[in-house]
């Protein structure tokens, strides 16, 4: 998704995949590029376990509710995130308001 596209996508709030907006194959490698603008909203979890996610542009989820799981993440722009998105069917992140890296 590129060219400063306007994206407004929300995950379902119930069911097996509640809170997941994109789920990439666990064996997927390479780079996933999502490039939006300030009118865009991806509300839910982006799961690309084995890939690099390039999250570019000035956008976020509704109320900043976007979670990211990826092997590597490249952020550019003014994207914002929130650790409590339970209103959108997502489990809370059990962490302080900080970015944590794991290897």
PDB file of N, CA and C in Angstrom:
ATOM      1  N   UNK A   1       0.862  -1.154   0.000  1.00  0.00           N
ATOM      2  CA  UNK A   1       0.000   0.000   0.000  1.00  0.00           C
ATOM      3  C   UNK A   1       0.903   1.210   0.000  1.00  0.00           C
ATOM      4  N   UNK A   2       0.731   2.047  -0.972  1.00  0.00           N
ATOM      5  CA  UNK A   2       1.682   3.130  -1.145  1.00  0.00           C
ATOM      6  C   UNK A   2       1.003   4.367  -1.706  1.00  0.00           C
ATOM      7  N   UNK A   3       1.803   5.361  -2.005  1.00  0.00           N
ATOM      8  CA  UNK A   3       1.364   6.613  -2.609  1.00  0.00           C
ATOM      9  C   UNK A   3       0.470   7.430  -1.693  1.00  0.00           C
ATOM     10  N   UNK A   4       0.766   7.447  -0.424  1.00  0.00           N
ATOM     11  CA  UNK A   4      -0.019   8.214   0.537  1.00  0.00           C
ATOM     12  C   UNK A   4      -1.502   7.882   0.455  1.00  0.00           C
ATOM     13  N   UNK A   5      -1.796   6.608   0.311  1.00  0.00           N
ATOM     14  CA  UNK A   5      -3.176   6.144   0.216  1.00  0.00           C
ATOM     15  C   UNK A   5      -3.938   6.471   1.494  1.00  0.00           C
ATOM     16  N   UNK A   6      -5.236   6.687   1.370  1.00  0.00           N
ATOM     17  CA  UNK A   6      -6.091   6.864   2.534  1.00  0.00           C
ATOM     18  C   UNK A   6      -6.668   5.497   2.877  1.00  0.00           C
ATOM     19  N   UNK A   7      -6.254   4.954   4.021  1.00  0.00           N
ATOM     20  CA  UNK A   7      -6.676   3.625   4.458  1.00  0.00           C
ATOM     21  C   UNK A   7      -7.515   3.750   5.712  1.00  0.00           C
ATOM     22  N   UNK A   8      -8.678   3.135   5.720  1.00  0.00           N
ATOM     23  CA  UNK A   8      -9.525   3.097   6.908  1.00  0.00           C
ATOM     24  C   UNK A   8      -9.992   1.664   7.080  1.00  0.00           C
ATOM     25  N   UNK A   9      -9.187   0.870   7.811  1.00  0.00           N
ATOM     26  CA  UNK A   9      -9.448  -0.551   7.981  1.00  0.00           C
ATOM     27  C   UNK A   9      -9.444  -0.862   9.475  1.00  0.00           C
ATOM     28  N   UNK A  10     -10.475  -1.583   9.932  1.00  0.00           N
ATOM     29  CA  UNK A  10     -10.566  -1.977  11.331  1.00  0.00           C
ATOM     30  C   UNK A  10     -10.716  -3.482  11.439  1.00  0.00           C
ATOM     31  N   UNK A  11     -10.119  -4.046  12.471  1.00  0.00           N
ATOM     32  CA  UNK A  11     -10.248  -5.478  12.746  1.00  0.00           C
ATOM     33  C   UNK A  11     -11.634  -5.770  13.311  1.00  0.00           C
ATOM     34  N   UNK A  12     -12.064  -7.014  13.154  1.00  0.00           N
ATOM     35  CA  UNK A  12     -13.314  -7.412  13.798  1.00  0.00           C
ATOM     36  C   UNK A  12     -13.110  -7.399  15.305  1.00  0.00           C
ATOM     37  N   UNK A  13     -14.178  -7.224  16.060  1.00  0.00           N
ATOM     38  CA  UNK A  13     -14.058  -7.102  17.507  1.00  0.00           C
ATOM     39  C   UNK A  13     -14.440  -8.369  18.257  1.00  0.00           C
ATOM     40  N   UNK A  14     -14.885  -9.408  17.553  1.00  0.00           N
ATOM     41  CA  UNK A  14     -15.220 -10.677  18.185  1.00  0.00           C
ATOM     42  C   UNK A  14     -14.685 -11.814  17.324  1.00  0.00           C
ATOM     43  N   UNK A  15     -14.651 -13.019  17.884  1.00  0.00           N
ATOM     44  CA  UNK A  15     -14.221 -14.192  17.129  1.00  0.00           C
ATOM     45  C   UNK A  15     -12.762 -14.518  17.328  1.00  0.00           C
ATOM     46  N   UNK A  16     -12.321 -15.547  16.641  1.00  0.00           N
ATOM     47  CA  UNK A  16     -10.957 -16.051  16.781  1.00  0.00           C
ATOM     48  C   UNK A  16      -9.901 -14.993  16.502  1.00  0.00           C
ATOM     49  N   UNK A  17     -10.116 -14.172  15.503  1.00  0.00           N
ATOM     50  CA  UNK A  17      -9.123 -13.175  15.109  1.00  0.00           C
ATOM     51  C   UNK A  17      -9.527 -11.764  15.518  1.00  0.00           C
ATOM     52  N   UNK A  18     -10.265 -11.637  16.599  1.00  0.00           N
ATOM     53  CA  UNK A  18     -10.648 -10.314  17.101  1.00  0.00           C
ATOM     54  C   UNK A  18      -9.398  -9.480  17.334  1.00  0.00           C
ATOM     55  N   UNK A  19      -9.430  -8.261  16.852  1.00  0.00           N
ATOM     56  CA  UNK A  19      -8.313  -7.346  17.056  1.00  0.00           C
ATOM     57  C   UNK A  19      -7.209  -7.446  16.025  1.00  0.00           C
ATOM     58  N   UNK A  20      -7.266  -8.410  15.115  1.00  0.00           N
ATOM     59  CA  UNK A  20      -6.207  -8.577  14.106  1.00  0.00           C
ATOM     60  C   UNK A  20      -6.677  -7.981  12.784  1.00  0.00           C
ATOM     61  N   UNK A  21      -5.974  -6.961  12.319  1.00  0.00           N
ATOM     62  CA  UNK A  21      -6.358  -6.330  11.053  1.00  0.00           C
ATOM     63  C   UNK A  21      -5.609  -6.958   9.872  1.00  0.00           C
ATOM     64  N   UNK A  22      -4.338  -7.335  10.060  1.00  0.00           N
ATOM     65  CA  UNK A  22      -3.564  -8.052   9.033  1.00  0.00           C
ATOM     66  C   UNK A  22      -2.788  -9.173   9.707  1.00  0.00           C
ATOM     67  N   UNK A  23      -2.860 -10.371   9.144  1.00  0.00           N
ATOM     68  CA  UNK A  23      -2.141 -11.527   9.676  1.00  0.00           C
ATOM     69  C   UNK A  23      -1.355 -12.144   8.527  1.00  0.00           C
ATOM     70  N   UNK A  24      -0.029 -11.955   8.538  1.00  0.00           N
ATOM     71  CA  UNK A  24       0.822 -12.518   7.505  1.00  0.00           C
ATOM     72  C   UNK A  24       1.258 -13.928   7.863  1.00  0.00           C
ATOM     73  N   UNK A  25       1.461 -14.755   6.859  1.00  0.00           N
ATOM     74  CA  UNK A  25       1.965 -16.113   7.059  1.00  0.00           C
ATOM     75  C   UNK A  25       3.219 -16.063   7.927  1.00  0.00           C
ATOM     76  N   UNK A  26       3.317 -16.958   8.902  1.00  0.00           N
ATOM     77  CA  UNK A  26       4.464 -16.957   9.819  1.00  0.00           C
ATOM     78  C   UNK A  26       5.787 -17.212   9.105  1.00  0.00           C
ATOM     79  N   UNK A  27       5.745 -17.830   7.933  1.00  0.00           N
ATOM     80  CA  UNK A  27       6.969 -18.107   7.173  1.00  0.00           C
ATOM     81  C   UNK A  27       7.305 -16.998   6.174  1.00  0.00           C
ATOM     82  N   UNK A  28       6.465 -15.985   6.114  1.00  0.00           N
ATOM     83  CA  UNK A  28       6.674 -14.871   5.203  1.00  0.00           C
ATOM     84  C   UNK A  28       7.933 -14.105   5.592  1.00  0.00           C
ATOM     85  N   UNK A  29       8.785 -13.838   4.623  1.00  0.00           N
ATOM     86  CA  UNK A  29       9.953 -12.989   4.840  1.00  0.00           C
ATOM     87  C   UNK A  29       9.875 -11.862   3.825  1.00  0.00           C
ATOM     88  N   UNK A  30      10.802 -10.958   3.884  1.00  0.00           N
ATOM     89  CA  UNK A  30      10.771  -9.837   2.961  1.00  0.00           C
ATOM     90  C   UNK A  30      10.232  -8.603   3.666  1.00  0.00           C
ATOM     91  N   UNK A  31       9.735  -7.658   2.876  1.00  0.00           N
ATOM     92  CA  UNK A  31       9.293  -6.371   3.409  1.00  0.00           C
ATOM     93  C   UNK A  31       7.843  -6.103   3.052  1.00  0.00           C
ATOM     94  N   UNK A  32       7.067  -5.718   4.044  1.00  0.00           N
ATOM     95  CA  UNK A  32       5.686  -5.272   3.874  1.00  0.00           C
ATOM     96  C   UNK A  32       5.711  -3.766   4.063  1.00  0.00           C
ATOM     97  N   UNK A  33       5.179  -3.018   3.100  1.00  0.00           N
ATOM     98  CA  UNK A  33       5.224  -1.562   3.163  1.00  0.00           C
ATOM     99  C   UNK A  33       3.804  -1.012   3.240  1.00  0.00           C
ATOM    100  N   UNK A  34       3.539  -0.260   4.303  1.00  0.00           N
ATOM    101  CA  UNK A  34       2.244   0.394   4.470  1.00  0.00           C
ATOM    102  C   UNK A  34       2.517   1.886   4.584  1.00  0.00           C
ATOM    103  N   UNK A  35       1.994   2.651   3.655  1.00  0.00           N
ATOM    104  CA  UNK A  35       2.272   4.075   3.574  1.00  0.00           C
ATOM    105  C   UNK A  35       0.951   4.820   3.453  1.00  0.00           C
ATOM    106  N   UNK A  36       0.580   5.555   4.476  1.00  0.00           N
ATOM    107  CA  UNK A  36      -0.682   6.284   4.437  1.00  0.00           C
ATOM    108  C   UNK A  36      -0.477   7.747   4.760  1.00  0.00           C
ATOM    109  N   UNK A  37      -1.577   8.443   5.025  1.00  0.00           N
ATOM    110  CA  UNK A  37      -1.479   9.845   5.409  1.00  0.00           C
ATOM    111  C   UNK A  37      -2.309  10.079   6.664  1.00  0.00           C
ATOM    112  N   UNK A  38      -2.410  11.316   7.101  1.00  0.00           N
ATOM    113  CA  UNK A  38      -3.055  11.609   8.382  1.00  0.00           C
ATOM    114  C   UNK A  38      -4.550  11.309   8.391  1.00  0.00           C
ATOM    115  N   UNK A  39      -5.147  11.043   7.257  1.00  0.00           N
ATOM    116  CA  UNK A  39      -6.564  10.672   7.208  1.00  0.00           C
ATOM    117  C   UNK A  39      -6.752   9.159   7.312  1.00  0.00           C
ATOM    118  N   UNK A  40      -5.662   8.413   7.401  1.00  0.00           N
ATOM    119  CA  UNK A  40      -5.721   6.955   7.410  1.00  0.00           C
ATOM    120  C   UNK A  40      -5.811   6.387   8.817  1.00  0.00           C
ATOM    121  N   UNK A  41      -6.494   5.230   8.935  1.00  0.00           N
ATOM    122  CA  UNK A  41      -6.588   4.523  10.210  1.00  0.00           C
ATOM    123  C   UNK A  41      -6.503   3.027   9.959  1.00  0.00           C
ATOM    124  N   UNK A  42      -5.528   2.368  10.588  1.00  0.00           N
ATOM    125  CA  UNK A  42      -5.451   0.907  10.637  1.00  0.00           C
ATOM    126  C   UNK A  42      -5.665   0.541  12.096  1.00  0.00           C
ATOM    127  N   UNK A  43      -6.856   0.105  12.434  1.00  0.00           N
ATOM    128  CA  UNK A  43      -7.208  -0.156  13.817  1.00  0.00           C
ATOM    129  C   UNK A  43      -7.165  -1.651  14.066  1.00  0.00           C
ATOM    130  N   UNK A  44      -6.155  -2.097  14.805  1.00  0.00           N
ATOM    131  CA  UNK A  44      -5.980  -3.510  15.094  1.00  0.00           C
ATOM    132  C   UNK A  44      -4.513  -3.879  15.072  1.00  0.00           C
ATOM    133  N   UNK A  45      -4.255  -5.176  15.168  1.00  0.00           N
ATOM    134  CA  UNK A  45      -2.886  -5.679  15.191  1.00  0.00           C
ATOM    135  C   UNK A  45      -2.412  -6.003  13.783  1.00  0.00           C
ATOM    136  N   UNK A  46      -1.178  -5.644  13.497  1.00  0.00           N
ATOM    137  CA  UNK A  46      -0.506  -5.994  12.249  1.00  0.00           C
ATOM    138  C   UNK A  46       0.496  -7.080  12.612  1.00  0.00           C
ATOM    139  N   UNK A  47       0.304  -8.294  12.113  1.00  0.00           N
ATOM    140  CA  UNK A  47       1.132  -9.437  12.499  1.00  0.00           C
ATOM    141  C   UNK A  47       1.890  -9.953  11.281  1.00  0.00           C
ATOM    142  N   UNK A  48       3.186  -9.724  11.272  1.00  0.00           N
ATOM    143  CA  UNK A  48       4.080 -10.197  10.214  1.00  0.00           C
ATOM    144  C   UNK A  48       5.336 -10.739  10.887  1.00  0.00           C
ATOM    145  N   UNK A  49       5.219 -11.873  11.564  1.00  0.00           N
ATOM    146  CA  UNK A  49       6.254 -12.425  12.441  1.00  0.00           C
ATOM    147  C   UNK A  49       7.638 -12.506  11.801  1.00  0.00           C
ATOM    148  N   UNK A  50       7.746 -12.971  10.577  1.00  0.00           N
ATOM    149  CA  UNK A  50       9.053 -13.175   9.971  1.00  0.00           C
ATOM    150  C   UNK A  50       9.474 -12.110   8.984  1.00  0.00           C
ATOM    151  N   UNK A  51       8.694 -11.054   8.860  1.00  0.00           N
ATOM    152  CA  UNK A  51       8.956 -10.039   7.832  1.00  0.00           C
ATOM    153  C   UNK A  51       9.360  -8.707   8.456  1.00  0.00           C
ATOM    154  N   UNK A  52       9.856  -7.830   7.608  1.00  0.00           N
ATOM    155  CA  UNK A  52      10.109  -6.448   7.984  1.00  0.00           C
ATOM    156  C   UNK A  52       8.867  -5.647   7.625  1.00  0.00           C
ATOM    157  N   UNK A  53       8.386  -4.843   8.550  1.00  0.00           N
ATOM    158  CA  UNK A  53       7.241  -3.985   8.297  1.00  0.00           C
ATOM    159  C   UNK A  53       7.713  -2.549   8.215  1.00  0.00           C
ATOM    160  N   UNK A  54       7.476  -1.917   7.077  1.00  0.00           N
ATOM    161  CA  UNK A  54       7.758  -0.491   6.932  1.00  0.00           C
ATOM    162  C   UNK A  54       6.429   0.229   7.126  1.00  0.00           C
ATOM    163  N   UNK A  55       6.302   0.939   8.225  1.00  0.00           N
ATOM    164  CA  UNK A  55       5.078   1.630   8.613  1.00  0.00           C
ATOM    165  C   UNK A  55       5.359   3.109   8.420  1.00  0.00           C
ATOM    166  N   UNK A  56       4.941   3.640   7.279  1.00  0.00           N
ATOM    167  CA  UNK A  56       5.362   4.968   6.854  1.00  0.00           C
ATOM    168  C   UNK A  56       4.181   5.923   6.761  1.00  0.00           C
ATOM    169  N   UNK A  57       4.428   7.176   6.950  1.00  0.00           N
ATOM    170  CA  UNK A  57       3.376   8.177   6.819  1.00  0.00           C
ATOM    171  C   UNK A  57       2.914   8.676   8.172  1.00  0.00           C
ATOM    172  N   UNK A  58       1.962   9.552   8.163  1.00  0.00           N
ATOM    173  CA  UNK A  58       1.461  10.187   9.378  1.00  0.00           C
ATOM    174  C   UNK A  58       0.075   9.653   9.703  1.00  0.00           C
ATOM    175  N   UNK A  59       0.009   8.421  10.187  1.00  0.00           N
ATOM    176  CA  UNK A  59      -1.298   7.857  10.489  1.00  0.00           C
ATOM    177  C   UNK A  59      -1.215   6.867  11.629  1.00  0.00           C
ATOM    178  N   UNK A  60      -2.387   6.469  12.126  1.00  0.00           N
ATOM    179  CA  UNK A  60      -2.476   5.540  13.242  1.00  0.00           C
ATOM    180  C   UNK A  60      -3.838   4.872  13.197  1.00  0.00           C
ATOM    181  N   UNK A  61      -4.157   4.104  14.220  1.00  0.00           N
ATOM    182  CA  UNK A  61      -5.490   3.530  14.341  1.00  0.00           C
ATOM    183  C   UNK A  61      -6.418   4.523  15.016  1.00  0.00           C
ATOM    184  N   UNK A  62      -7.714   4.217  15.042  1.00  0.00           N
ATOM    185  CA  UNK A  62      -8.647   5.051  15.793  1.00  0.00           C
ATOM    186  C   UNK A  62      -8.203   5.062  17.241  1.00  0.00           C
ATOM    187  N   UNK A  63      -8.154   6.231  17.848  1.00  0.00           N
ATOM    188  CA  UNK A  63      -7.626   6.387  19.214  1.00  0.00           C
ATOM    189  C   UNK A  63      -6.220   5.818  19.325  1.00  0.00           C
ATOM    190  N   UNK A  64      -5.466   5.839  18.252  1.00  0.00           N
ATOM    191  CA  UNK A  64      -4.080   5.363  18.203  1.00  0.00           C
ATOM    192  C   UNK A  64      -3.969   3.866  18.426  1.00  0.00           C
ATOM    193  N   UNK A  65      -5.009   3.101  18.133  1.00  0.00           N
ATOM    194  CA  UNK A  65      -5.028   1.660  18.410  1.00  0.00           C
ATOM    195  C   UNK A  65      -4.505   0.841  17.243  1.00  0.00           C
ATOM    196  N   UNK A  66      -3.210   0.691  17.200  1.00  0.00           N
ATOM    197  CA  UNK A  66      -2.525  -0.183  16.259  1.00  0.00           C
ATOM    198  C   UNK A  66      -1.422  -0.888  17.027  1.00  0.00           C
ATOM    199  N   UNK A  67      -1.390  -2.215  16.960  1.00  0.00           N
ATOM    200  CA  UNK A  67      -0.300  -3.006  17.535  1.00  0.00           C
ATOM    201  C   UNK A  67       0.510  -3.558  16.372  1.00  0.00           C
ATOM    202  N   UNK A  68       1.808  -3.723  16.571  1.00  0.00           N
ATOM    203  CA  UNK A  68       2.678  -4.230  15.514  1.00  0.00           C
ATOM    204  C   UNK A  68       3.499  -5.402  16.050  1.00  0.00           C
ATOM    205  N   UNK A  69       3.465  -6.526  15.312  1.00  0.00           N
ATOM    206  CA  UNK A  69       4.328  -7.674  15.575  1.00  0.00           C
ATOM    207  C   UNK A  69       5.040  -7.972  14.273  1.00  0.00           C
ATOM    208  N   UNK A  70       6.364  -7.864  14.273  1.00  0.00           N
ATOM    209  CA  UNK A  70       7.152  -8.125  13.071  1.00  0.00           C
ATOM    210  C   UNK A  70       8.584  -8.449  13.483  1.00  0.00           C
ATOM    211  N   UNK A  71       9.328  -9.064  12.559  1.00  0.00           N
ATOM    212  CA  UNK A  71      10.729  -9.351  12.823  1.00  0.00           C
ATOM    213  C   UNK A  71      11.506  -8.048  12.961  1.00  0.00           C
ATOM    214  N   UNK A  72      11.238  -7.118  12.062  1.00  0.00           N
ATOM    215  CA  UNK A  72      11.852  -5.787  12.098  1.00  0.00           C
ATOM    216  C   UNK A  72      10.778  -4.784  11.727  1.00  0.00           C
ATOM    217  N   UNK A  73      10.873  -3.591  12.319  1.00  0.00           N
ATOM    218  CA  UNK A  73       9.914  -2.525  12.024  1.00  0.00           C
ATOM    219  C   UNK A  73      10.675  -1.257  11.701  1.00  0.00           C
ATOM    220  N   UNK A  74      10.303  -0.624  10.590  1.00  0.00           N
ATOM    221  CA  UNK A  74      10.840   0.686  10.224  1.00  0.00           C
ATOM    222  C   UNK A  74       9.681   1.670  10.303  1.00  0.00           C
ATOM    223  N   UNK A  75       9.791   2.674  11.188  1.00  0.00           N
ATOM    224  CA  UNK A  75       8.772   3.703  11.305  1.00  0.00           C
ATOM    225  C   UNK A  75       9.293   4.991  10.700  1.00  0.00           C
ATOM    226  N   UNK A  76       8.402   5.698  10.026  1.00  0.00           N
ATOM    227  CA  UNK A  76       8.731   7.010   9.491  1.00  0.00           C
ATOM    228  C   UNK A  76       7.454   7.840   9.526  1.00  0.00           C
ATOM    229  N   UNK A  77       7.566   9.091   9.889  1.00  0.00           N
ATOM    230  CA  UNK A  77       6.391   9.944   9.977  1.00  0.00           C
ATOM    231  C   UNK A  77       5.973  10.131  11.419  1.00  0.00           C
ATOM    232  N   UNK A  78       4.706  10.452  11.617  1.00  0.00           N
ATOM    233  CA  UNK A  78       4.197  10.742  12.951  1.00  0.00           C
ATOM    234  C   UNK A  78       3.127   9.744  13.378  1.00  0.00           C
ATOM    235  N   UNK A  79       3.397   8.476  13.238  1.00  0.00           N
ATOM    236  CA  UNK A  79       2.461   7.439  13.657  1.00  0.00           C
ATOM    237  C   UNK A  79       2.401   7.386  15.172  1.00  0.00           C
ATOM    238  N   UNK A  80       1.215   7.074  15.717  1.00  0.00           N
ATOM    239  CA  UNK A  80       1.060   6.985  17.157  1.00  0.00           C
ATOM    240  C   UNK A  80       0.418   5.659  17.532  1.00  0.00           C
ATOM    241  N   UNK A  81       0.681   5.195  18.775  1.00  0.00           N
ATOM    242  CA  UNK A  81       0.214   3.905  19.237  1.00  0.00           C
ATOM    243  C   UNK A  81      -0.335   4.034  20.652  1.00  0.00           C
ATOM    244  N   UNK A  82      -1.163   3.080  21.060  1.00  0.00           N
ATOM    245  CA  UNK A  82      -1.776   3.073  22.377  1.00  0.00           C
ATOM    246  C   UNK A  82      -1.685   1.663  22.938  1.00  0.00           C
ATOM    247  N   UNK A  83      -1.489   1.503  24.247  1.00  0.00           N
ATOM    248  CA  UNK A  83      -1.390   0.169  24.826  1.00  0.00           C
ATOM    249  C   UNK A  83      -2.721  -0.380  25.331  1.00  0.00           C
ATOM    250  N   UNK A  84      -3.790   0.422  25.329  1.00  0.00           N
ATOM    251  CA  UNK A  84      -5.101  -0.077  25.751  1.00  0.00           C
ATOM    252  C   UNK A  84      -6.112   0.133  24.636  1.00  0.00           C
ATOM    253  N   UNK A  85      -6.360  -0.922  23.898  1.00  0.00           N
ATOM    254  CA  UNK A  85      -7.295  -0.874  22.776  1.00  0.00           C
ATOM    255  C   UNK A  85      -8.412  -1.889  22.969  1.00  0.00           C
ATOM    256  N   UNK A  86      -8.766  -2.154  24.215  1.00  0.00           N
ATOM    257  CA  UNK A  86      -9.792  -3.155  24.505  1.00  0.00           C
ATOM    258  C   UNK A  86     -11.134  -2.801  23.888  1.00  0.00           C
ATOM    259  N   UNK A  87     -11.419  -1.530  23.689  1.00  0.00           N
ATOM    260  CA  UNK A  87     -12.685  -1.121  23.062  1.00  0.00           C
ATOM    261  C   UNK A  87     -12.783  -1.602  21.613  1.00  0.00           C
ATOM    262  N   UNK A  88     -11.649  -1.981  21.030  1.00  0.00           N
ATOM    263  CA  UNK A  88     -11.615  -2.436  19.648  1.00  0.00           C
ATOM    264  C   UNK A  88     -11.397  -3.946  19.556  1.00  0.00           C
ATOM    265  N   UNK A  89     -11.646  -4.672  20.647  1.00  0.00           N
ATOM    266  CA  UNK A  89     -11.524  -6.123  20.639  1.00  0.00           C
ATOM    267  C   UNK A  89     -10.108  -6.626  20.795  1.00  0.00           C
ATOM    268  N   UNK A  90      -9.194  -5.763  21.200  1.00  0.00           N
ATOM    269  CA  UNK A  90      -7.793  -6.130  21.330  1.00  0.00           C
ATOM    270  C   UNK A  90      -7.433  -6.297  22.805  1.00  0.00           C
ATOM    271  N   UNK A  91      -6.577  -7.260  23.102  1.00  0.00           N
ATOM    272  CA  UNK A  91      -6.104  -7.437  24.463  1.00  0.00           C
ATOM    273  C   UNK A  91      -5.138  -6.307  24.813  1.00  0.00           C
ATOM    274  N   UNK A  92      -5.121  -5.870  26.067  1.00  0.00           N
ATOM    275  CA  UNK A  92      -4.164  -4.822  26.442  1.00  0.00           C
ATOM    276  C   UNK A  92      -2.733  -5.354  26.402  1.00  0.00           C
ATOM    277  N   UNK A  93      -1.803  -4.484  26.117  1.00  0.00           N
ATOM    278  CA  UNK A  93      -0.389  -4.845  26.148  1.00  0.00           C
ATOM    279  C   UNK A  93       0.072  -4.728  27.601  1.00  0.00           C
ATOM    280  N   UNK A  94       0.564  -5.812  28.197  1.00  0.00           N
ATOM    281  CA  UNK A  94       0.973  -5.758  29.610  1.00  0.00           C
ATOM    282  C   UNK A  94       2.349  -5.127  29.758  1.00  0.00           C
ATOM    283  N   UNK A  95       2.420  -3.822  29.534  1.00  0.00           N
ATOM    284  CA  UNK A  95       3.707  -3.129  29.599  1.00  0.00           C
ATOM    285  C   UNK A  95       3.481  -1.681  29.994  1.00  0.00           C
ATOM    286  N   UNK A  96       4.543  -1.036  30.423  1.00  0.00           N
ATOM    287  CA  UNK A  96       4.497   0.391  30.700  1.00  0.00           C
ATOM    288  C   UNK A  96       4.403   1.120  29.362  1.00  0.00           C
ATOM    289  N   UNK A  97       4.157   2.381  29.396  1.00  0.00           N
ATOM    290  CA  UNK A  97       4.065   3.170  28.173  1.00  0.00           C
ATOM    291  C   UNK A  97       5.463   3.392  27.597  1.00  0.00           C
ATOM    292  N   UNK A  98       6.003   2.340  26.984  1.00  0.00           N
ATOM    293  CA  UNK A  98       7.348   2.391  26.432  1.00  0.00           C
ATOM    294  C   UNK A  98       7.467   1.395  25.311  1.00  0.00           C
ATOM    295  N   UNK A  99       8.427   1.616  24.454  1.00  0.00           N
ATOM    296  CA  UNK A  99       8.733   0.679  23.386  1.00  0.00           C
ATOM    297  C   UNK A  99       9.693  -0.354  23.943  1.00  0.00           C
ATOM    298  N   UNK A 100       9.429  -1.626  23.676  1.00  0.00           N
ATOM    299  CA  UNK A 100      10.315  -2.690  24.140  1.00  0.00           C
ATOM    300  C   UNK A 100      10.757  -3.521  22.950  1.00  0.00           C
ATOM    301  N   UNK A 101      12.020  -3.830  22.900  1.00  0.00           N
ATOM    302  CA  UNK A 101      12.567  -4.657  21.824  1.00  0.00           C
ATOM    303  C   UNK A 101      12.911  -6.029  22.388  1.00  0.00           C
ATOM    304  N   UNK A 102      12.604  -7.053  21.621  1.00  0.00           N
ATOM    305  CA  UNK A 102      12.932  -8.413  22.032  1.00  0.00           C
ATOM    306  C   UNK A 102      13.614  -9.112  20.878  1.00  0.00           C
ATOM    307  N   UNK A 103      14.512 -10.014  21.200  1.00  0.00           N
ATOM    308  CA  UNK A 103      15.219 -10.729  20.141  1.00  0.00           C
ATOM    309  C   UNK A 103      15.087 -12.205  20.332  1.00  0.00           C
TER     310      UNK A 103
END
